[in-house]
């Protein structure tokens, strides 16, 4: 019998994909609007919402360790099914999308590049997750899936499990510092070691989910505050730390982008790490709060968005790229803000619409968009967990 499905997960994914699209929609403003009085606002939206991809990474780890962590070993049949599903629903869509984005860039931005040179470049890009700016996430997820059986075996150890999170931070920062001193790998964001702290937190939460779930569900929950008064203290510390880290992260980049002053590179790395890790925890608490609310329509829409988030993640840059072909703002302050808003709405709305239609109407759409969503068989808001044979793959 499989474990109960964590029904808050689609809502967390929805909040994460909203952040991802915001970052991508505002990315050009850091170049185009540095002299604008509203530049701090553009920087705020671009940096504050950088929690999206790390949150997806944490959820991927949490889901796998939650689903498989209670087993003494992975039978060969289940291991085969595990990798078959990842090949079908992750690797194949990654390869197809990588080629499509490579082709799009070649016929637009790189029209003068010879095709033989382009294909040589594509070979390197698909092996490093750099065919387009957002595909690194899928590439590092593939690295994690390859290592997962070994990591699962290690993390089951009673000696290692309590130290998983510190070990994750040590591995990540050992790699970051050594790369800063010696290796100087430019595309280090395509290497899973850059996110080991997030993977470790997700793994720890997955293995001990039933112990941690009450705290995740405690924000603005009077009943749990009465039962566990310490949760209120933990939440105050979490939210204040998160807000401080987020604002410092925004300020750091605002100073750099507006004045050209560069802080030590590890300062950007540290604030990004702290900001995004705390953001993932805050998003999880917000998702549980939404799930407890009586706003059925909001719960349903966010859950549906979360279920489609992997396909939306793969598709949304197309609409941003097309939208940027017609810069109708003419550098006007008010029009530029509207231009960003329209780009965001197009990227989210068209991706959501097309992915929904594709999964309903095209039986083989999983080839390019990943695993189709499950049909909802119960309310999304109560109870917090429902019985199911497996947990939906996180994007």
Protein backbone atom coordinates (compact mmCIF):
# COMPACT_ATOMS: atom_id res chain seq x y z
CA UNK A 1 0.00 0.00 0.00
CA UNK A 2 1.40 3.39 -0.99
CA UNK A 3 1.70 6.31 1.35
CA UNK A 4 -0.97 9.00 1.56
CA UNK A 5 -0.70 11.72 -1.05
CA UNK A 6 0.45 15.10 0.27
CA UNK A 7 -2.37 17.21 -1.12
CA UNK A 8 -0.72 20.54 -0.32
CA UNK A 9 2.00 19.83 -2.89
CA UNK A 10 0.12 21.14 -5.96
CA UNK A 11 -0.52 24.45 -4.18
CA UNK A 12 3.17 24.79 -3.29
CA UNK A 13 4.09 24.05 -6.90
CA UNK A 14 1.60 26.67 -8.06
CA UNK A 15 3.19 29.31 -5.84
CA UNK A 16 6.62 28.25 -7.11
CA UNK A 17 5.73 28.48 -10.81
CA UNK A 18 4.23 31.94 -10.26
CA UNK A 19 7.62 32.98 -8.88
CA UNK A 20 9.57 31.42 -11.75
CA UNK A 21 7.54 33.26 -14.38
CA UNK A 22 7.86 36.55 -12.48
CA UNK A 23 11.67 36.28 -12.48
CA UNK A 24 11.77 35.55 -16.20
CA UNK A 25 9.21 38.23 -17.08
CA UNK A 26 11.24 40.94 -15.30
CA UNK A 27 14.72 39.75 -16.35
CA UNK A 28 15.22 42.34 -19.11
CA UNK A 29 14.28 45.24 -16.84
CA UNK A 30 17.63 44.89 -15.06
CA UNK A 31 19.27 45.96 -18.34
CA UNK A 32 16.70 48.25 -19.92
CA UNK A 33 15.43 50.33 -16.99
CA UNK A 34 18.47 51.10 -14.83
CA UNK A 35 17.78 54.85 -15.05
CA UNK A 36 14.10 54.52 -14.22
CA UNK A 37 12.72 55.85 -10.91
CA UNK A 38 10.91 52.51 -10.70
CA UNK A 39 14.10 50.47 -11.07
CA UNK A 40 14.05 49.36 -7.43
CA UNK A 41 10.58 47.95 -8.02
CA UNK A 42 11.71 45.98 -11.06
CA UNK A 43 14.71 44.68 -9.11
CA UNK A 44 12.45 43.75 -6.20
CA UNK A 45 10.15 41.64 -8.37
CA UNK A 46 13.10 40.05 -10.18
CA UNK A 47 15.05 39.08 -7.05
CA UNK A 48 12.33 38.55 -4.44
CA UNK A 49 10.65 35.84 -6.54
CA UNK A 50 13.83 33.81 -7.14
CA UNK A 51 12.46 31.18 -4.77
CA UNK A 52 10.72 29.24 -7.56
CA UNK A 53 13.36 26.82 -8.81
CA UNK A 54 14.85 26.01 -5.35
CA UNK A 55 11.32 25.30 -4.12
CA UNK A 56 10.75 22.86 -6.98
CA UNK A 57 14.08 21.20 -6.13
CA UNK A 58 13.11 20.84 -2.48
CA UNK A 59 9.75 19.34 -3.44
CA UNK A 60 11.37 16.86 -5.84
CA UNK A 61 13.59 15.62 -3.04
CA UNK A 62 10.80 15.62 -0.45
CA UNK A 63 8.48 13.60 -2.69
CA UNK A 64 11.04 10.91 -3.49
CA UNK A 65 12.30 10.46 0.06
CA UNK A 66 8.73 10.51 1.40
CA UNK A 67 7.62 7.92 -1.11
CA UNK A 68 10.59 5.56 -0.95
CA UNK A 69 12.19 6.36 2.41
CA UNK A 70 10.22 3.88 4.48
CA UNK A 71 11.38 0.86 2.51
CA UNK A 72 14.34 -1.21 3.65
CA UNK A 73 15.48 -1.53 0.03
CA UNK A 74 14.35 -0.74 -3.50
CA UNK A 75 13.34 -3.94 -5.32
CA UNK A 76 14.74 -4.26 -8.82
CA UNK A 77 11.24 -4.07 -10.29
CA UNK A 78 10.46 -0.81 -8.53
CA UNK A 79 13.87 0.65 -9.37
CA UNK A 80 13.24 -0.20 -13.02
CA UNK A 81 9.84 1.51 -12.89
CA UNK A 82 11.40 4.53 -11.17
CA UNK A 83 13.93 5.07 -13.96
CA UNK A 84 11.47 4.20 -16.72
CA UNK A 85 9.14 6.95 -15.51
CA UNK A 86 12.00 9.47 -15.31
CA UNK A 87 13.16 8.59 -18.81
CA UNK A 88 9.62 8.97 -20.17
CA UNK A 89 8.41 11.99 -18.25
CA UNK A 90 11.60 13.94 -17.53
CA UNK A 91 14.46 13.02 -19.90
CA UNK A 92 12.40 12.76 -23.08
CA UNK A 93 10.58 16.11 -22.59
CA UNK A 94 13.93 17.68 -21.66
CA UNK A 95 15.56 16.46 -24.88
CA UNK A 96 12.63 17.55 -27.05
CA UNK A 97 12.34 20.97 -25.43
CA UNK A 98 16.10 21.47 -25.60
CA UNK A 99 16.03 20.88 -29.35
CA UNK A 100 12.98 23.11 -29.86
CA UNK A 101 14.56 26.01 -27.96
CA UNK A 102 17.87 25.46 -29.74
CA UNK A 103 16.05 25.64 -33.08
CA UNK A 104 14.12 28.76 -32.02
CA UNK A 105 17.31 30.56 -31.01
CA UNK A 106 19.12 29.45 -34.16
CA UNK A 107 16.49 30.86 -36.55
CA UNK A 108 16.05 34.11 -34.60
CA UNK A 109 19.07 35.33 -32.62
CA UNK A 110 21.76 33.18 -34.33
CA UNK A 111 20.66 33.23 -37.96
CA UNK A 112 24.20 33.90 -39.19
CA UNK A 113 25.69 30.89 -37.39
CA UNK A 114 26.38 27.92 -39.70
CA UNK A 115 24.23 24.89 -38.95
CA UNK A 116 27.19 22.52 -38.49
CA UNK A 117 28.60 24.84 -35.84
CA UNK A 118 25.13 25.17 -34.31
CA UNK A 119 24.71 21.41 -33.93
CA UNK A 120 28.14 21.09 -32.33
CA UNK A 121 27.07 23.77 -29.87
CA UNK A 122 23.77 21.97 -29.26
CA UNK A 123 25.62 18.80 -28.28
CA UNK A 124 27.34 20.71 -25.49
CA UNK A 125 24.16 22.56 -24.51
CA UNK A 126 22.03 19.45 -24.05
CA UNK A 127 24.77 17.91 -21.89
CA UNK A 128 24.93 20.98 -19.64
CA UNK A 129 21.27 22.05 -19.51
CA UNK A 130 22.03 25.30 -21.33
CA UNK A 131 19.99 25.04 -24.53
CA UNK A 132 17.76 27.74 -22.99
CA UNK A 133 17.99 29.68 -19.76
CA UNK A 134 15.43 27.67 -17.76
CA UNK A 135 16.40 24.12 -18.75
CA UNK A 136 19.21 23.85 -16.21
CA UNK A 137 16.59 22.88 -13.63
CA UNK A 138 15.58 19.76 -15.53
CA UNK A 139 19.24 18.89 -16.09
CA UNK A 140 20.13 19.04 -12.39
CA UNK A 141 17.00 17.03 -11.59
CA UNK A 142 18.30 14.29 -13.88
CA UNK A 143 21.59 14.29 -11.95
CA UNK A 144 19.65 13.90 -8.71
CA UNK A 145 17.61 10.99 -10.09
CA UNK A 146 20.79 9.16 -11.10
CA UNK A 147 22.19 9.50 -7.58
CA UNK A 148 18.91 8.92 -5.76
CA UNK A 149 19.26 5.17 -4.93
CA UNK A 150 22.70 5.79 -3.41
CA UNK A 151 21.51 8.88 -1.52
CA UNK A 152 18.48 6.98 -0.23
CA UNK A 153 20.68 4.19 1.10
CA UNK A 154 22.97 6.70 2.85
CA UNK A 155 20.16 8.81 4.28
CA UNK A 156 18.43 5.80 5.82
CA UNK A 157 21.44 5.35 8.11
CA UNK A 158 20.56 6.34 11.71
CA UNK A 159 24.03 7.88 12.00
CA UNK A 160 23.66 10.08 8.92
CA UNK A 161 19.97 11.01 9.01
CA UNK A 162 20.12 13.56 11.88
CA UNK A 163 23.01 15.31 10.13
CA UNK A 164 21.57 15.37 6.62
CA UNK A 165 20.89 19.11 6.49
CA UNK A 166 24.33 20.20 7.83
CA UNK A 167 25.99 17.73 5.44
CA UNK A 168 23.98 19.20 2.55
CA UNK A 169 25.12 22.73 3.36
CA UNK A 170 28.74 21.59 3.78
CA UNK A 171 28.74 19.80 0.41
CA UNK A 172 27.13 22.75 -1.36
CA UNK A 173 29.38 25.38 0.16
CA UNK A 174 32.49 23.25 -0.25
CA UNK A 175 31.71 23.10 -3.96
CA UNK A 176 30.83 26.81 -4.17
CA UNK A 177 33.97 27.98 -2.37
CA UNK A 178 36.28 25.62 -4.22
CA UNK A 179 34.75 26.66 -7.52
CA UNK A 180 35.28 30.30 -6.54
CA UNK A 181 38.94 29.67 -5.71
CA UNK A 182 40.07 27.02 -8.16
CA UNK A 183 37.65 25.62 -10.75
CA UNK A 184 35.79 28.75 -11.95
CA UNK A 185 33.02 26.75 -13.62
CA UNK A 186 30.81 29.36 -15.27
CA UNK A 187 27.73 27.14 -15.52
CA UNK A 188 27.90 25.83 -11.95
CA UNK A 189 24.12 26.37 -11.69
CA UNK A 190 23.76 23.32 -13.94
CA UNK A 191 25.51 21.13 -11.36
CA UNK A 192 23.39 19.52 -8.64
CA UNK A 193 26.03 20.21 -5.96
CA UNK A 194 25.01 23.88 -6.16
CA UNK A 195 21.67 22.92 -4.56
CA UNK A 196 22.68 20.23 -2.06
CA UNK A 197 21.36 22.19 0.92
CA UNK A 198 17.91 22.30 -0.69
CA UNK A 199 18.01 18.62 -1.65
CA UNK A 200 19.07 17.75 1.91
CA UNK A 201 16.22 19.71 3.49
CA UNK A 202 13.74 18.06 1.12
CA UNK A 203 15.15 14.62 1.93
CA UNK A 204 15.00 15.23 5.68
CA UNK A 205 11.42 16.50 5.44
CA UNK A 206 10.44 13.52 3.28
CA UNK A 207 11.88 10.96 5.68
CA UNK A 208 10.32 12.64 8.72
CA UNK A 209 7.27 14.12 7.10
CA UNK A 210 4.74 12.95 9.70
CA UNK A 211 6.78 14.64 12.43
CA UNK A 212 7.28 17.89 10.49
CA UNK A 213 3.84 18.22 8.87
CA UNK A 214 2.13 19.69 11.98
CA UNK A 215 4.65 22.54 12.04
CA UNK A 216 4.18 23.19 8.31
CA UNK A 217 0.44 23.36 8.99
CA UNK A 218 0.80 25.65 12.01
CA UNK A 219 0.94 29.14 10.47
CA UNK A 220 -2.15 31.07 11.61
CA UNK A 221 -3.50 27.82 13.07
CA UNK A 222 -4.86 28.61 16.54
CA UNK A 223 -5.52 24.99 17.41
CA UNK A 224 -1.93 23.94 16.75
CA UNK A 225 -0.59 27.03 18.52
CA UNK A 226 -2.53 26.01 21.62
CA UNK A 227 -1.28 22.45 21.38
CA UNK A 228 2.32 23.38 20.49
CA UNK A 229 3.09 26.93 21.72
CA UNK A 230 6.69 26.60 20.52
CA UNK A 231 5.42 26.63 16.91
CA UNK A 232 4.48 30.29 17.28
CA UNK A 233 8.05 31.12 18.30
CA UNK A 234 9.53 29.08 15.45
CA UNK A 235 7.23 30.75 12.95
CA UNK A 236 8.10 34.25 14.13
CA UNK A 237 11.80 33.44 13.78
CA UNK A 238 11.25 31.87 10.34
CA UNK A 239 9.18 34.71 8.90
CA UNK A 240 11.37 37.50 10.29
CA UNK A 241 14.53 35.77 9.05
CA UNK A 242 12.96 35.18 5.65
CA UNK A 243 11.87 38.80 5.26
CA UNK A 244 15.28 40.12 6.34
CA UNK A 245 17.14 37.78 3.97
CA UNK A 246 14.82 38.59 1.05
CA UNK A 247 15.14 42.37 1.50
CA UNK A 248 18.93 42.16 1.90
CA UNK A 249 19.13 40.03 -1.24
CA UNK A 250 17.07 42.57 -3.18
CA UNK A 251 19.15 45.47 -1.84
CA UNK A 252 22.43 43.80 -2.79
CA UNK A 253 21.36 43.38 -6.39
CA UNK A 254 19.78 46.83 -6.56
CA UNK A 255 23.07 48.46 -5.55
CA UNK A 256 25.01 46.36 -8.05
CA UNK A 257 22.65 46.95 -10.96
CA UNK A 258 22.10 50.65 -10.32
CA UNK A 259 25.70 51.67 -9.49
CA UNK A 260 27.88 48.91 -10.92
CA UNK A 261 29.41 48.24 -7.51
CA UNK A 262 30.19 44.55 -7.05
CA UNK A 263 30.22 42.87 -3.66
CA UNK A 264 32.26 39.69 -3.10
CA UNK A 265 30.67 36.91 -5.15
CA UNK A 266 30.08 34.74 -2.09
CA UNK A 267 27.84 37.45 -0.62
CA UNK A 268 25.39 37.04 -3.52
CA UNK A 269 25.60 33.27 -3.18
CA UNK A 270 24.99 33.31 0.58
CA UNK A 271 21.99 35.63 0.44
CA UNK A 272 20.49 33.71 -2.47
CA UNK A 273 20.87 30.46 -0.52
CA UNK A 274 19.38 31.80 2.72
CA UNK A 275 16.59 33.71 0.96
CA UNK A 276 15.46 30.80 -1.23
CA UNK A 277 15.68 28.11 1.46
CA UNK A 278 13.60 30.18 3.89
CA UNK A 279 11.21 31.11 1.06
CA UNK A 280 10.53 27.44 0.36
CA UNK A 281 9.60 26.87 4.01
CA UNK A 282 7.38 29.96 4.05
CA UNK A 283 5.66 28.86 0.83
CA UNK A 284 4.92 25.48 2.36
CA UNK A 285 3.27 27.14 5.35
CA UNK A 286 1.29 29.47 3.09
CA UNK A 287 0.11 26.48 1.03
CA UNK A 288 -1.17 24.69 4.13
CA UNK A 289 -2.93 27.87 5.24
CA UNK A 290 -4.60 28.18 1.82
CA UNK A 291 -5.60 24.52 2.00
CA UNK A 292 -7.33 25.10 5.35
CA UNK A 293 -9.22 28.11 4.05
CA UNK A 294 -12.78 28.09 2.76
CA UNK A 295 -11.87 29.60 -0.62
CA UNK A 296 -12.70 26.55 -2.70
CA UNK A 297 -12.27 28.29 -6.07
CA UNK A 298 -8.78 29.54 -5.19
CA UNK A 299 -7.77 26.14 -3.85
CA UNK A 300 -9.02 24.43 -7.01
CA UNK A 301 -7.29 26.87 -9.39
CA UNK A 302 -3.98 26.78 -7.54
CA UNK A 303 -4.09 22.99 -7.30
CA UNK A 304 -4.74 22.71 -11.01
CA UNK A 305 -1.93 25.17 -11.77
CA UNK A 306 0.42 23.12 -9.62
CA UNK A 307 -0.54 19.89 -11.36
CA UNK A 308 0.36 21.45 -14.71
CA UNK A 309 3.43 23.30 -13.47
CA UNK A 310 6.08 21.14 -15.17
CA UNK A 311 4.56 21.64 -18.61
CA UNK A 312 4.06 25.34 -17.91
CA UNK A 313 7.68 25.59 -16.76
CA UNK A 314 8.90 24.08 -20.03
CA UNK A 315 6.64 26.18 -22.26
CA UNK A 316 6.39 29.68 -20.75
CA UNK A 317 9.65 31.18 -22.16
CA UNK A 318 8.24 30.85 -25.70
CA UNK A 319 5.60 33.50 -25.03
CA UNK A 320 8.05 35.82 -23.31
CA UNK A 321 10.41 35.55 -26.28
CA UNK A 322 7.62 36.29 -28.77
CA UNK A 323 6.32 39.16 -26.66
CA UNK A 324 9.78 40.76 -26.57
CA UNK A 325 9.90 40.83 -30.36
CA UNK A 326 7.48 43.77 -30.22
CA UNK A 327 8.77 46.29 -27.62
CA UNK A 328 5.69 48.50 -27.75
CA UNK A 329 6.56 50.32 -24.51
CA UNK A 330 8.99 52.73 -26.27
CA UNK A 331 10.82 53.18 -22.93
CA UNK A 332 7.79 54.97 -21.50
CA UNK A 333 7.67 54.47 -17.70
CA UNK A 334 3.97 53.60 -17.48
CA UNK A 335 3.90 51.59 -20.68
CA UNK A 336 6.95 49.59 -19.62
CA UNK A 337 5.27 48.51 -16.38
CA UNK A 338 2.21 47.48 -18.40
CA UNK A 339 4.50 45.72 -20.89
CA UNK A 340 6.01 43.60 -18.10
CA UNK A 341 2.56 42.81 -16.71
CA UNK A 342 1.24 41.77 -20.13
CA UNK A 343 4.30 39.57 -20.71
CA UNK A 344 3.74 37.85 -17.38
CA UNK A 345 0.04 37.31 -18.09
CA UNK A 346 0.76 35.90 -21.56
CA UNK A 347 3.48 33.55 -20.30
CA UNK A 348 1.26 32.22 -17.53
CA UNK A 349 -2.11 32.28 -19.27
CA UNK A 350 -1.15 30.87 -22.67
CA UNK A 351 1.08 28.18 -21.15
CA UNK A 352 -1.65 27.15 -18.71
CA UNK A 353 -4.26 27.07 -21.47
CA UNK A 354 -2.19 25.12 -23.99
CA UNK A 355 -0.87 22.59 -21.47
CA UNK A 356 -4.42 22.00 -20.20
CA UNK A 357 -5.75 21.48 -23.73
CA UNK A 358 -2.81 19.27 -24.69
CA UNK A 359 -3.31 16.90 -21.76
CA UNK A 360 -7.07 16.72 -22.40
CA UNK A 361 -6.97 16.31 -26.17
CA UNK A 362 -3.59 14.81 -27.13
CA UNK A 363 -2.84 11.40 -25.67
CA UNK A 364 0.88 11.60 -26.44
CA UNK A 365 1.41 15.13 -25.08
CA UNK A 366 3.50 13.65 -22.23
CA UNK A 367 6.33 13.27 -24.75
CA UNK A 368 6.98 17.02 -24.62
CA UNK A 369 5.20 18.13 -21.43
CA UNK A 370 5.94 15.40 -18.89
CA UNK A 371 3.58 13.30 -16.82
CA UNK A 372 -0.13 14.12 -17.23
CA UNK A 373 -1.89 15.33 -14.08
CA UNK A 374 -3.96 13.00 -11.97
CA UNK A 375 -7.70 13.39 -12.00
CA UNK A 376 -8.81 14.78 -8.65
CA UNK A 377 -10.80 12.16 -6.73
CA UNK A 378 -11.22 14.15 -3.56
CA UNK A 379 -11.32 17.70 -2.35
CA UNK A 380 -7.96 19.43 -2.36
CA UNK A 381 -8.44 21.26 0.87
CA UNK A 382 -9.36 18.53 3.39
CA UNK A 383 -7.94 16.38 4.71
CA UNK A 384 -4.30 17.42 4.35
CA UNK A 385 -3.44 13.96 3.10
CA UNK A 386 -5.36 11.38 1.12
CA UNK A 387 -4.66 7.78 0.23
CA UNK A 388 -3.09 7.12 -3.11
CA UNK A 389 -0.65 4.66 -4.57
CA UNK A 390 2.09 7.21 -5.19
CA UNK A 391 2.96 10.85 -5.05
CA UNK A 392 2.77 12.89 -8.24
CA UNK A 393 6.16 13.63 -9.75
CA UNK A 394 7.40 17.08 -8.82
CA UNK A 395 8.61 19.17 -11.73
